[in-house]
Amino acid sequence: MLDGHPALIGCLGRSVSARAGRWNRARGSSTRTQSVRATASVPAASRGYDGGKKVPGRKNHIITYTLGLLLVVAVTAANVGDRDAAVPLLQRLRSLHQEITLV
């Protein structure tokens, strides 16, 4: 799982929020998932098949601040379900960004 440095994310979040005329602390976030085809150079152990989208490869799971800044990112095999990936993703979000109250 890849994570931005919390102090940097907080600084960027406050700056973007201030320019947008919003509260200066992140309080809400949004989750997104994207299946991506993997090339032959990607190890088979980290690839899967997303049966819903019919895509072989990997799946990106991201949580963004309401204004679009990345908070937490995880990359899994495409066959990992959104629900299964959400638990560790949300735990990591809670440990890094305790100010987030709405997902």
PDB file of N, CA and C in Angstrom:
ATOM      1  N   MET A   1       0.842  -1.167   0.000  1.00  0.00           N
ATOM      2  CA  MET A   1       0.000   0.000   0.000  1.00  0.00           C
ATOM      3  C   MET A   1       0.892   1.237   0.000  1.00  0.00           C
ATOM      4  N   LEU A   2       0.592   2.180  -0.873  1.00  0.00           N
ATOM      5  CA  LEU A   2       1.366   3.410  -0.958  1.00  0.00           C
ATOM      6  C   LEU A   2       0.589   4.540  -0.297  1.00  0.00           C
ATOM      7  N   ASP A   3       1.276   5.342   0.489  1.00  0.00           N
ATOM      8  CA  ASP A   3       0.608   6.439   1.178  1.00  0.00           C
ATOM      9  C   ASP A   3       1.430   7.704   1.038  1.00  0.00           C
ATOM     10  N   GLY A   4       0.735   8.826   0.905  1.00  0.00           N
ATOM     11  CA  GLY A   4       1.424  10.103   0.901  1.00  0.00           C
ATOM     12  C   GLY A   4       1.842  10.451   2.316  1.00  0.00           C
ATOM     13  N   HIS A   5       2.803  11.308   2.454  1.00  0.00           N
ATOM     14  CA  HIS A   5       3.236  11.742   3.777  1.00  0.00           C
ATOM     15  C   HIS A   5       2.110  12.566   4.389  1.00  0.00           C
ATOM     16  N   PRO A   6       1.605  12.190   5.584  1.00  0.00           N
ATOM     17  CA  PRO A   6       0.451  12.873   6.172  1.00  0.00           C
ATOM     18  C   PRO A   6       0.619  14.385   6.330  1.00  0.00           C
ATOM     19  N   ALA A   7       1.816  14.863   6.718  1.00  0.00           N
ATOM     20  CA  ALA A   7       2.010  16.302   6.900  1.00  0.00           C
ATOM     21  C   ALA A   7       1.893  17.041   5.572  1.00  0.00           C
ATOM     22  N   LEU A   8       2.452  16.457   4.518  1.00  0.00           N
ATOM     23  CA  LEU A   8       2.368  17.065   3.188  1.00  0.00           C
ATOM     24  C   LEU A   8       0.932  17.076   2.691  1.00  0.00           C
ATOM     25  N   ILE A   9       0.243  15.943   2.857  1.00  0.00           N
ATOM     26  CA  ILE A   9      -1.163  15.862   2.441  1.00  0.00           C
ATOM     27  C   ILE A   9      -1.989  16.897   3.197  1.00  0.00           C
ATOM     28  N   GLY A  10      -1.739  17.037   4.512  1.00  0.00           N
ATOM     29  CA  GLY A  10      -2.478  18.011   5.303  1.00  0.00           C
ATOM     30  C   GLY A  10      -2.244  19.427   4.825  1.00  0.00           C
ATOM     31  N   CYS A  11      -0.996  19.743   4.517  1.00  0.00           N
ATOM     32  CA  CYS A  11      -0.639  21.073   4.022  1.00  0.00           C
ATOM     33  C   CYS A  11      -1.307  21.350   2.678  1.00  0.00           C
ATOM     34  N   LEU A  12      -1.219  20.386   1.775  1.00  0.00           N
ATOM     35  CA  LEU A  12      -1.862  20.553   0.464  1.00  0.00           C
ATOM     36  C   LEU A  12      -3.371  20.680   0.611  1.00  0.00           C
ATOM     37  N   GLY A  13      -3.947  19.854   1.473  1.00  0.00           N
ATOM     38  CA  GLY A  13      -5.394  19.892   1.685  1.00  0.00           C
ATOM     39  C   GLY A  13      -5.859  21.244   2.190  1.00  0.00           C
ATOM     40  N   ARG A  14      -5.132  21.799   3.157  1.00  0.00           N
ATOM     41  CA  ARG A  14      -5.500  23.124   3.683  1.00  0.00           C
ATOM     42  C   ARG A  14      -5.372  24.200   2.616  1.00  0.00           C
ATOM     43  N   SER A  15      -4.307  24.117   1.813  1.00  0.00           N
ATOM     44  CA  SER A  15      -4.086  25.109   0.762  1.00  0.00           C
ATOM     45  C   SER A  15      -5.185  25.047  -0.294  1.00  0.00           C
ATOM     46  N   VAL A  16      -5.492  23.838  -0.753  1.00  0.00           N
ATOM     47  CA  VAL A  16      -6.535  23.673  -1.781  1.00  0.00           C
ATOM     48  C   VAL A  16      -7.888  24.082  -1.228  1.00  0.00           C
ATOM     49  N   SER A  17      -8.179  23.695   0.017  1.00  0.00           N
ATOM     50  CA  SER A  17      -9.461  24.058   0.637  1.00  0.00           C
ATOM     51  C   SER A  17      -9.609  25.559   0.769  1.00  0.00           C
ATOM     52  N   ALA A  18      -8.541  26.229   1.196  1.00  0.00           N
ATOM     53  CA  ALA A  18      -8.595  27.685   1.357  1.00  0.00           C
ATOM     54  C   ALA A  18      -8.867  28.364   0.020  1.00  0.00           C
ATOM     55  N   ARG A  19      -8.203  27.904  -1.016  1.00  0.00           N
ATOM     56  CA  ARG A  19      -8.427  28.501  -2.347  1.00  0.00           C
ATOM     57  C   ARG A  19      -9.833  28.244  -2.861  1.00  0.00           C
ATOM     58  N   ALA A  20     -10.410  27.112  -2.449  1.00  0.00           N
ATOM     59  CA  ALA A  20     -11.769  26.779  -2.887  1.00  0.00           C
ATOM     60  C   ALA A  20     -12.830  27.393  -1.981  1.00  0.00           C
ATOM     61  N   GLY A  21     -12.388  28.080  -0.903  1.00  0.00           N
ATOM     62  CA  GLY A  21     -13.338  28.710   0.003  1.00  0.00           C
ATOM     63  C   GLY A  21     -14.030  27.719   0.918  1.00  0.00           C
ATOM     64  N   ARG A  22     -13.385  26.575   1.200  1.00  0.00           N
ATOM     65  CA  ARG A  22     -13.968  25.555   2.070  1.00  0.00           C
ATOM     66  C   ARG A  22     -13.257  25.543   3.403  1.00  0.00           C
ATOM     67  N   TRP A  23     -13.731  24.675   4.305  1.00  0.00           N
ATOM     68  CA  TRP A  23     -13.079  24.498   5.596  1.00  0.00           C
ATOM     69  C   TRP A  23     -11.622  24.149   5.377  1.00  0.00           C
ATOM     70  N   ASN A  24     -10.772  24.511   6.311  1.00  0.00           N
ATOM     71  CA  ASN A  24      -9.344  24.267   6.144  1.00  0.00           C
ATOM     72  C   ASN A  24      -8.886  22.887   6.608  1.00  0.00           C
ATOM     73  N   ARG A  25      -9.810  22.004   6.955  1.00  0.00           N
ATOM     74  CA  ARG A  25      -9.441  20.634   7.321  1.00  0.00           C
ATOM     75  C   ARG A  25     -10.260  19.652   6.514  1.00  0.00           C
ATOM     76  N   ALA A  26      -9.613  18.573   6.069  1.00  0.00           N
ATOM     77  CA  ALA A  26     -10.319  17.524   5.329  1.00  0.00           C
ATOM     78  C   ALA A  26     -11.291  16.824   6.276  1.00  0.00           C
ATOM     79  N   ARG A  27     -12.523  16.674   5.873  1.00  0.00           N
ATOM     80  CA  ARG A  27     -13.509  15.984   6.698  1.00  0.00           C
ATOM     81  C   ARG A  27     -14.184  14.859   5.937  1.00  0.00           C
ATOM     82  N   GLY A  28     -14.172  14.911   4.624  1.00  0.00           N
ATOM     83  CA  GLY A  28     -14.839  13.894   3.829  1.00  0.00           C
ATOM     84  C   GLY A  28     -13.917  13.350   2.763  1.00  0.00           C
ATOM     85  N   SER A  29     -14.243  12.158   2.286  1.00  0.00           N
ATOM     86  CA  SER A  29     -13.421  11.545   1.248  1.00  0.00           C
ATOM     87  C   SER A  29     -14.294  10.668   0.370  1.00  0.00           C
ATOM     88  N   SER A  30     -13.700  10.176  -0.686  1.00  0.00           N
ATOM     89  CA  SER A  30     -14.408   9.353  -1.651  1.00  0.00           C
ATOM     90  C   SER A  30     -13.513   8.185  -2.041  1.00  0.00           C
ATOM     91  N   THR A  31     -14.104   7.020  -2.272  1.00  0.00           N
ATOM     92  CA  THR A  31     -13.324   5.854  -2.691  1.00  0.00           C
ATOM     93  C   THR A  31     -13.600   5.564  -4.160  1.00  0.00           C
ATOM     94  N   ARG A  32     -12.564   5.086  -4.850  1.00  0.00           N
ATOM     95  CA  ARG A  32     -12.698   4.736  -6.266  1.00  0.00           C
ATOM     96  C   ARG A  32     -11.882   3.484  -6.536  1.00  0.00           C
ATOM     97  N   THR A  33     -12.334   2.710  -7.501  1.00  0.00           N
ATOM     98  CA  THR A  33     -11.626   1.505  -7.906  1.00  0.00           C
ATOM     99  C   THR A  33     -11.547   1.478  -9.423  1.00  0.00           C
ATOM    100  N   GLN A  34     -10.406   1.047  -9.940  1.00  0.00           N
ATOM    101  CA  GLN A  34     -10.214   0.975 -11.385  1.00  0.00           C
ATOM    102  C   GLN A  34      -9.446  -0.301 -11.713  1.00  0.00           C
ATOM    103  N   SER A  35      -9.968  -1.082 -12.646  1.00  0.00           N
ATOM    104  CA  SER A  35      -9.250  -2.268 -13.126  1.00  0.00           C
ATOM    105  C   SER A  35      -8.404  -1.860 -14.325  1.00  0.00           C
ATOM    106  N   VAL A  36      -7.148  -2.339 -14.327  1.00  0.00           N
ATOM    107  CA  VAL A  36      -6.197  -1.956 -15.363  1.00  0.00           C
ATOM    108  C   VAL A  36      -5.560  -3.208 -15.936  1.00  0.00           C
ATOM    109  N   ARG A  37      -5.476  -3.284 -17.256  1.00  0.00           N
ATOM    110  CA  ARG A  37      -4.813  -4.425 -17.891  1.00  0.00           C
ATOM    111  C   ARG A  37      -3.334  -4.424 -17.542  1.00  0.00           C
ATOM    112  N   ALA A  38      -2.798  -5.609 -17.285  1.00  0.00           N
ATOM    113  CA  ALA A  38      -1.376  -5.736 -16.956  1.00  0.00           C
ATOM    114  C   ALA A  38      -0.623  -6.281 -18.160  1.00  0.00           C
ATOM    115  N   THR A  39       0.572  -5.789 -18.364  1.00  0.00           N
ATOM    116  CA  THR A  39       1.412  -6.274 -19.457  1.00  0.00           C
ATOM    117  C   THR A  39       2.028  -7.613 -19.064  1.00  0.00           C
ATOM    118  N   ALA A  40       2.660  -8.260 -20.011  1.00  0.00           N
ATOM    119  CA  ALA A  40       3.288  -9.561 -19.764  1.00  0.00           C
ATOM    120  C   ALA A  40       4.437  -9.462 -18.770  1.00  0.00           C
ATOM    121  N   SER A  41       5.004  -8.277 -18.602  1.00  0.00           N
ATOM    122  CA  SER A  41       6.136  -8.119 -17.679  1.00  0.00           C
ATOM    123  C   SER A  41       5.698  -8.095 -16.211  1.00  0.00           C
ATOM    124  N   VAL A  42       4.400  -7.960 -15.945  1.00  0.00           N
ATOM    125  CA  VAL A  42       3.889  -7.963 -14.570  1.00  0.00           C
ATOM    126  C   VAL A  42       3.835  -9.416 -14.085  1.00  0.00           C
ATOM    127  N   PRO A  43       4.413  -9.713 -12.924  1.00  0.00           N
ATOM    128  CA  PRO A  43       4.422 -11.091 -12.418  1.00  0.00           C
ATOM    129  C   PRO A  43       3.006 -11.657 -12.277  1.00  0.00           C
ATOM    130  N   ALA A  44       2.849 -12.909 -12.611  1.00  0.00           N
ATOM    131  CA  ALA A  44       1.537 -13.560 -12.561  1.00  0.00           C
ATOM    132  C   ALA A  44       0.955 -13.555 -11.150  1.00  0.00           C
ATOM    133  N   ALA A  45       1.800 -13.591 -10.138  1.00  0.00           N
ATOM    134  CA  ALA A  45       1.318 -13.611  -8.751  1.00  0.00           C
ATOM    135  C   ALA A  45       0.586 -12.331  -8.369  1.00  0.00           C
ATOM    136  N   SER A  46       0.866 -11.224  -9.045  1.00  0.00           N
ATOM    137  CA  SER A  46       0.213  -9.958  -8.705  1.00  0.00           C
ATOM    138  C   SER A  46      -0.881  -9.573  -9.700  1.00  0.00           C
ATOM    139  N   ARG A  47      -1.223 -10.496 -10.594  1.00  0.00           N
ATOM    140  CA  ARG A  47      -2.309 -10.257 -11.550  1.00  0.00           C
ATOM    141  C   ARG A  47      -3.517 -11.110 -11.197  1.00  0.00           C
ATOM    142  N   GLY A  48      -4.662 -10.711 -11.681  1.00  0.00           N
ATOM    143  CA  GLY A  48      -5.890 -11.476 -11.489  1.00  0.00           C
ATOM    144  C   GLY A  48      -6.843 -11.162 -12.623  1.00  0.00           C
ATOM    145  N   TYR A  49      -8.092 -11.629 -12.508  1.00  0.00           N
ATOM    146  CA  TYR A  49      -9.087 -11.387 -13.547  1.00  0.00           C
ATOM    147  C   TYR A  49     -10.328 -10.795 -12.901  1.00  0.00           C
ATOM    148  N   ASP A  50     -10.691  -9.590 -13.316  1.00  0.00           N
ATOM    149  CA  ASP A  50     -11.902  -8.934 -12.837  1.00  0.00           C
ATOM    150  C   ASP A  50     -13.056  -9.429 -13.703  1.00  0.00           C
ATOM    151  N   GLY A  51     -13.828 -10.365 -13.175  1.00  0.00           N
ATOM    152  CA  GLY A  51     -14.924 -10.960 -13.944  1.00  0.00           C
ATOM    153  C   GLY A  51     -16.030  -9.990 -14.285  1.00  0.00           C
ATOM    154  N   GLY A  52     -16.255  -8.994 -13.444  1.00  0.00           N
ATOM    155  CA  GLY A  52     -17.311  -8.013 -13.702  1.00  0.00           C
ATOM    156  C   GLY A  52     -16.996  -7.134 -14.895  1.00  0.00           C
ATOM    157  N   LYS A  53     -15.756  -6.704 -15.006  1.00  0.00           N
ATOM    158  CA  LYS A  53     -15.342  -5.830 -16.111  1.00  0.00           C
ATOM    159  C   LYS A  53     -14.618  -6.587 -17.209  1.00  0.00           C
ATOM    160  N   LYS A  54     -14.381  -7.882 -16.964  1.00  0.00           N
ATOM    161  CA  LYS A  54     -13.705  -8.749 -17.926  1.00  0.00           C
ATOM    162  C   LYS A  54     -12.322  -8.207 -18.314  1.00  0.00           C
ATOM    163  N   VAL A  55     -11.555  -7.861 -17.270  1.00  0.00           N
ATOM    164  CA  VAL A  55     -10.225  -7.293 -17.466  1.00  0.00           C
ATOM    165  C   VAL A  55      -9.200  -8.122 -16.697  1.00  0.00           C
ATOM    166  N   PRO A  56      -8.185  -8.654 -17.385  1.00  0.00           N
ATOM    167  CA  PRO A  56      -7.101  -9.320 -16.668  1.00  0.00           C
ATOM    168  C   PRO A  56      -6.056  -8.285 -16.244  1.00  0.00           C
ATOM    169  N   GLY A  57      -5.577  -8.379 -15.026  1.00  0.00           N
ATOM    170  CA  GLY A  57      -4.543  -7.433 -14.612  1.00  0.00           C
ATOM    171  C   GLY A  57      -4.595  -7.087 -13.153  1.00  0.00           C
ATOM    172  N   ARG A  58      -4.538  -5.808 -12.858  1.00  0.00           N
ATOM    173  CA  ARG A  58      -4.504  -5.299 -11.487  1.00  0.00           C
ATOM    174  C   ARG A  58      -5.663  -4.347 -11.250  1.00  0.00           C
ATOM    175  N   LYS A  59      -5.901  -4.070  -9.980  1.00  0.00           N
ATOM    176  CA  LYS A  59      -6.961  -3.142  -9.611  1.00  0.00           C
ATOM    177  C   LYS A  59      -6.383  -2.089  -8.675  1.00  0.00           C
ATOM    178  N   ASN A  60      -6.667  -0.822  -8.958  1.00  0.00           N
ATOM    179  CA  ASN A  60      -6.249   0.298  -8.112  1.00  0.00           C
ATOM    180  C   ASN A  60      -7.411   0.671  -7.207  1.00  0.00           C
ATOM    181  N   HIS A  61      -7.154   0.796  -5.922  1.00  0.00           N
ATOM    182  CA  HIS A  61      -8.155   1.232  -4.949  1.00  0.00           C
ATOM    183  C   HIS A  61      -7.618   2.526  -4.362  1.00  0.00           C
ATOM    184  N   ILE A  62      -8.367   3.610  -4.484  1.00  0.00           N
ATOM    185  CA  ILE A  62      -7.881   4.887  -3.968  1.00  0.00           C
ATOM    186  C   ILE A  62      -8.947   5.567  -3.109  1.00  0.00           C
ATOM    187  N   ILE A  63      -8.472   6.335  -2.158  1.00  0.00           N
ATOM    188  CA  ILE A  63      -9.346   7.203  -1.364  1.00  0.00           C
ATOM    189  C   ILE A  63      -8.814   8.613  -1.564  1.00  0.00           C
ATOM    190  N   THR A  64      -9.709   9.510  -1.961  1.00  0.00           N
ATOM    191  CA  THR A  64      -9.328  10.894  -2.206  1.00  0.00           C
ATOM    192  C   THR A  64     -10.075  11.819  -1.260  1.00  0.00           C
ATOM    193  N   TYR A  65      -9.461  12.965  -0.971  1.00  0.00           N
ATOM    194  CA  TYR A  65     -10.096  14.054  -0.255  1.00  0.00           C
ATOM    195  C   TYR A  65     -11.199  14.589  -1.158  1.00  0.00           C
ATOM    196  N   THR A  66     -12.194  15.239  -0.601  1.00  0.00           N
ATOM    197  CA  THR A  66     -13.339  15.697  -1.388  1.00  0.00           C
ATOM    198  C   THR A  66     -12.959  16.605  -2.558  1.00  0.00           C
ATOM    199  N   LEU A  67     -11.799  17.259  -2.483  1.00  0.00           N
ATOM    200  CA  LEU A  67     -11.372  18.113  -3.595  1.00  0.00           C
ATOM    201  C   LEU A  67     -10.441  17.384  -4.573  1.00  0.00           C
ATOM    202  N   GLY A  68     -10.263  16.067  -4.387  1.00  0.00           N
ATOM    203  CA  GLY A  68      -9.513  15.272  -5.346  1.00  0.00           C
ATOM    204  C   GLY A  68      -8.090  14.895  -4.985  1.00  0.00           C
ATOM    205  N   LEU A  69      -7.554  15.353  -3.854  1.00  0.00           N
ATOM    206  CA  LEU A  69      -6.199  14.982  -3.466  1.00  0.00           C
ATOM    207  C   LEU A  69      -6.163  13.528  -2.989  1.00  0.00           C
ATOM    208  N   LEU A  70      -5.143  12.782  -3.402  1.00  0.00           N
ATOM    209  CA  LEU A  70      -4.998  11.394  -2.972  1.00  0.00           C
ATOM    210  C   LEU A  70      -4.664  11.324  -1.494  1.00  0.00           C
ATOM    211  N   LEU A  71      -5.328  10.422  -0.779  1.00  0.00           N
ATOM    212  CA  LEU A  71      -5.037  10.198   0.624  1.00  0.00           C
ATOM    213  C   LEU A  71      -4.383   8.834   0.832  1.00  0.00           C
ATOM    214  N   VAL A  72      -4.957   7.779   0.241  1.00  0.00           N
ATOM    215  CA  VAL A  72      -4.440   6.417   0.376  1.00  0.00           C
ATOM    216  C   VAL A  72      -4.641   5.690  -0.948  1.00  0.00           C
ATOM    217  N   VAL A  73      -3.636   4.890  -1.339  1.00  0.00           N
ATOM    218  CA  VAL A  73      -3.698   4.119  -2.586  1.00  0.00           C
ATOM    219  C   VAL A  73      -3.263   2.690  -2.300  1.00  0.00           C
ATOM    220  N   ALA A  74      -3.962   1.719  -2.873  1.00  0.00           N
ATOM    221  CA  ALA A  74      -3.552   0.315  -2.802  1.00  0.00           C
ATOM    222  C   ALA A  74      -3.698  -0.285  -4.190  1.00  0.00           C
ATOM    223  N   VAL A  75      -2.773  -1.157  -4.563  1.00  0.00           N
ATOM    224  CA  VAL A  75      -2.838  -1.869  -5.843  1.00  0.00           C
ATOM    225  C   VAL A  75      -2.904  -3.351  -5.521  1.00  0.00           C
ATOM    226  N   THR A  76      -3.932  -4.032  -6.053  1.00  0.00           N
ATOM    227  CA  THR A  76      -4.120  -5.457  -5.803  1.00  0.00           C
ATOM    228  C   THR A  76      -4.296  -6.185  -7.128  1.00  0.00           C
ATOM    229  N   ALA A  77      -4.338  -7.506  -7.064  1.00  0.00           N
ATOM    230  CA  ALA A  77      -4.704  -8.290  -8.246  1.00  0.00           C
ATOM    231  C   ALA A  77      -6.154  -7.957  -8.584  1.00  0.00           C
ATOM    232  N   ALA A  78      -6.512  -8.028  -9.852  1.00  0.00           N
ATOM    233  CA  ALA A  78      -7.845  -7.621 -10.295  1.00  0.00           C
ATOM    234  C   ALA A  78      -8.966  -8.474  -9.710  1.00  0.00           C
ATOM    235  N   ASN A  79      -8.649  -9.697  -9.273  1.00  0.00           N
ATOM    236  CA  ASN A  79      -9.696 -10.557  -8.731  1.00  0.00           C
ATOM    237  C   ASN A  79     -10.022 -10.265  -7.264  1.00  0.00           C
ATOM    238  N   VAL A  80      -9.305  -9.343  -6.632  1.00  0.00           N
ATOM    239  CA  VAL A  80      -9.616  -8.939  -5.255  1.00  0.00           C
ATOM    240  C   VAL A  80     -10.836  -8.030  -5.285  1.00  0.00           C
ATOM    241  N   GLY A  81     -11.850  -8.403  -4.536  1.00  0.00           N
ATOM    242  CA  GLY A  81     -13.088  -7.630  -4.523  1.00  0.00           C
ATOM    243  C   GLY A  81     -12.933  -6.291  -3.816  1.00  0.00           C
ATOM    244  N   ASP A  82     -13.795  -5.358  -4.169  1.00  0.00           N
ATOM    245  CA  ASP A  82     -13.754  -4.028  -3.566  1.00  0.00           C
ATOM    246  C   ASP A  82     -13.955  -4.104  -2.052  1.00  0.00           C
ATOM    247  N   ARG A  83     -14.858  -4.962  -1.615  1.00  0.00           N
ATOM    248  CA  ARG A  83     -15.135  -5.100  -0.189  1.00  0.00           C
ATOM    249  C   ARG A  83     -13.907  -5.634   0.557  1.00  0.00           C
ATOM    250  N   ASP A  84     -13.206  -6.599  -0.035  1.00  0.00           N
ATOM    251  CA  ASP A  84     -12.017  -7.167   0.602  1.00  0.00           C
ATOM    252  C   ASP A  84     -10.879  -6.157   0.682  1.00  0.00           C
ATOM    253  N   ALA A  85     -10.742  -5.322  -0.318  1.00  0.00           N
ATOM    254  CA  ALA A  85      -9.676  -4.319  -0.333  1.00  0.00           C
ATOM    255  C   ALA A  85     -10.018  -3.123   0.548  1.00  0.00           C
ATOM    256  N   ALA A  86     -11.302  -2.885   0.776  1.00  0.00           N
ATOM    257  CA  ALA A  86     -11.727  -1.698   1.523  1.00  0.00           C
ATOM    258  C   ALA A  86     -11.305  -1.722   2.986  1.00  0.00           C
ATOM    259  N   VAL A  87     -11.322  -2.886   3.613  1.00  0.00           N
ATOM    260  CA  VAL A  87     -11.023  -2.961   5.045  1.00  0.00           C
ATOM    261  C   VAL A  87      -9.612  -2.453   5.360  1.00  0.00           C
ATOM    262  N   PRO A  88      -8.536  -3.014   4.738  1.00  0.00           N
ATOM    263  CA  PRO A  88      -7.208  -2.483   5.051  1.00  0.00           C
ATOM    264  C   PRO A  88      -7.012  -1.046   4.564  1.00  0.00           C
ATOM    265  N   LEU A  89      -7.682  -0.686   3.466  1.00  0.00           N
ATOM    266  CA  LEU A  89      -7.577   0.675   2.948  1.00  0.00           C
ATOM    267  C   LEU A  89      -8.152   1.675   3.947  1.00  0.00           C
ATOM    268  N   LEU A  90      -9.328   1.363   4.487  1.00  0.00           N
ATOM    269  CA  LEU A  90      -9.961   2.254   5.465  1.00  0.00           C
ATOM    270  C   LEU A  90      -9.205   2.277   6.791  1.00  0.00           C
ATOM    271  N   GLN A  91      -8.617   1.142   7.189  1.00  0.00           N
ATOM    272  CA  GLN A  91      -7.808   1.131   8.412  1.00  0.00           C
ATOM    273  C   GLN A  91      -6.595   2.048   8.253  1.00  0.00           C
ATOM    274  N   ARG A  92      -5.971   1.988   7.072  1.00  0.00           N
ATOM    275  CA  ARG A  92      -4.814   2.847   6.814  1.00  0.00           C
ATOM    276  C   ARG A  92      -5.227   4.316   6.782  1.00  0.00           C
ATOM    277  N   LEU A  93      -6.380   4.593   6.184  1.00  0.00           N
ATOM    278  CA  LEU A  93      -6.896   5.966   6.160  1.00  0.00           C
ATOM    279  C   LEU A  93      -7.098   6.484   7.582  1.00  0.00           C
ATOM    280  N   ARG A  94      -7.698   5.663   8.439  1.00  0.00           N
ATOM    281  CA  ARG A  94      -7.961   6.067   9.815  1.00  0.00           C
ATOM    282  C   ARG A  94      -6.659   6.335  10.569  1.00  0.00           C
ATOM    283  N   SER A  95      -5.630   5.521  10.326  1.00  0.00           N
ATOM    284  CA  SER A  95      -4.371   5.721  11.051  1.00  0.00           C
ATOM    285  C   SER A  95      -3.609   6.961  10.559  1.00  0.00           C
ATOM    286  N   LEU A  96      -3.753   7.308   9.283  1.00  0.00           N
ATOM    287  CA  LEU A  96      -3.023   8.455   8.734  1.00  0.00           C
ATOM    288  C   LEU A  96      -3.790   9.770   8.816  1.00  0.00           C
ATOM    289  N   HIS A  97      -5.110   9.702   8.702  1.00  0.00           N
ATOM    290  CA  HIS A  97      -5.930  10.922   8.600  1.00  0.00           C
ATOM    291  C   HIS A  97      -7.123  10.814   9.542  1.00  0.00           C
ATOM    292  N   GLN A  98      -6.893  11.018  10.815  1.00  0.00           N
ATOM    293  CA  GLN A  98      -7.955  10.883  11.806  1.00  0.00           C
ATOM    294  C   GLN A  98      -9.025  11.957  11.686  1.00  0.00           C
ATOM    295  N   GLU A  99      -8.713  13.038  10.981  1.00  0.00           N
ATOM    296  CA  GLU A  99      -9.678  14.127  10.838  1.00  0.00           C
ATOM    297  C   GLU A  99     -10.793  13.779   9.839  1.00  0.00           C
ATOM    298  N   ILE A 100     -10.605  12.761   9.020  1.00  0.00           N
ATOM    299  CA  ILE A 100     -11.633  12.360   8.054  1.00  0.00           C
ATOM    300  C   ILE A 100     -12.779  11.711   8.827  1.00  0.00           C
ATOM    301  N   THR A 101     -13.979  12.245   8.655  1.00  0.00           N
ATOM    302  CA  THR A 101     -15.141  11.723   9.389  1.00  0.00           C
ATOM    303  C   THR A 101     -16.204  11.126   8.468  1.00  0.00           C
ATOM    304  N   LEU A 102     -16.049  11.295   7.173  1.00  0.00           N
ATOM    305  CA  LEU A 102     -17.050  10.805   6.228  1.00  0.00           C
ATOM    306  C   LEU A 102     -16.370  10.184   5.023  1.00  0.00           C
ATOM    307  N   VAL A 103     -16.707   8.918   4.724  1.00  0.00           N
ATOM    308  CA  VAL A 103     -16.148   8.228   3.555  1.00  0.00           C
ATOM    309  C   VAL A 103     -17.293   7.763   2.697  1.00  0.00           C
TER     310      VAL A 103
END
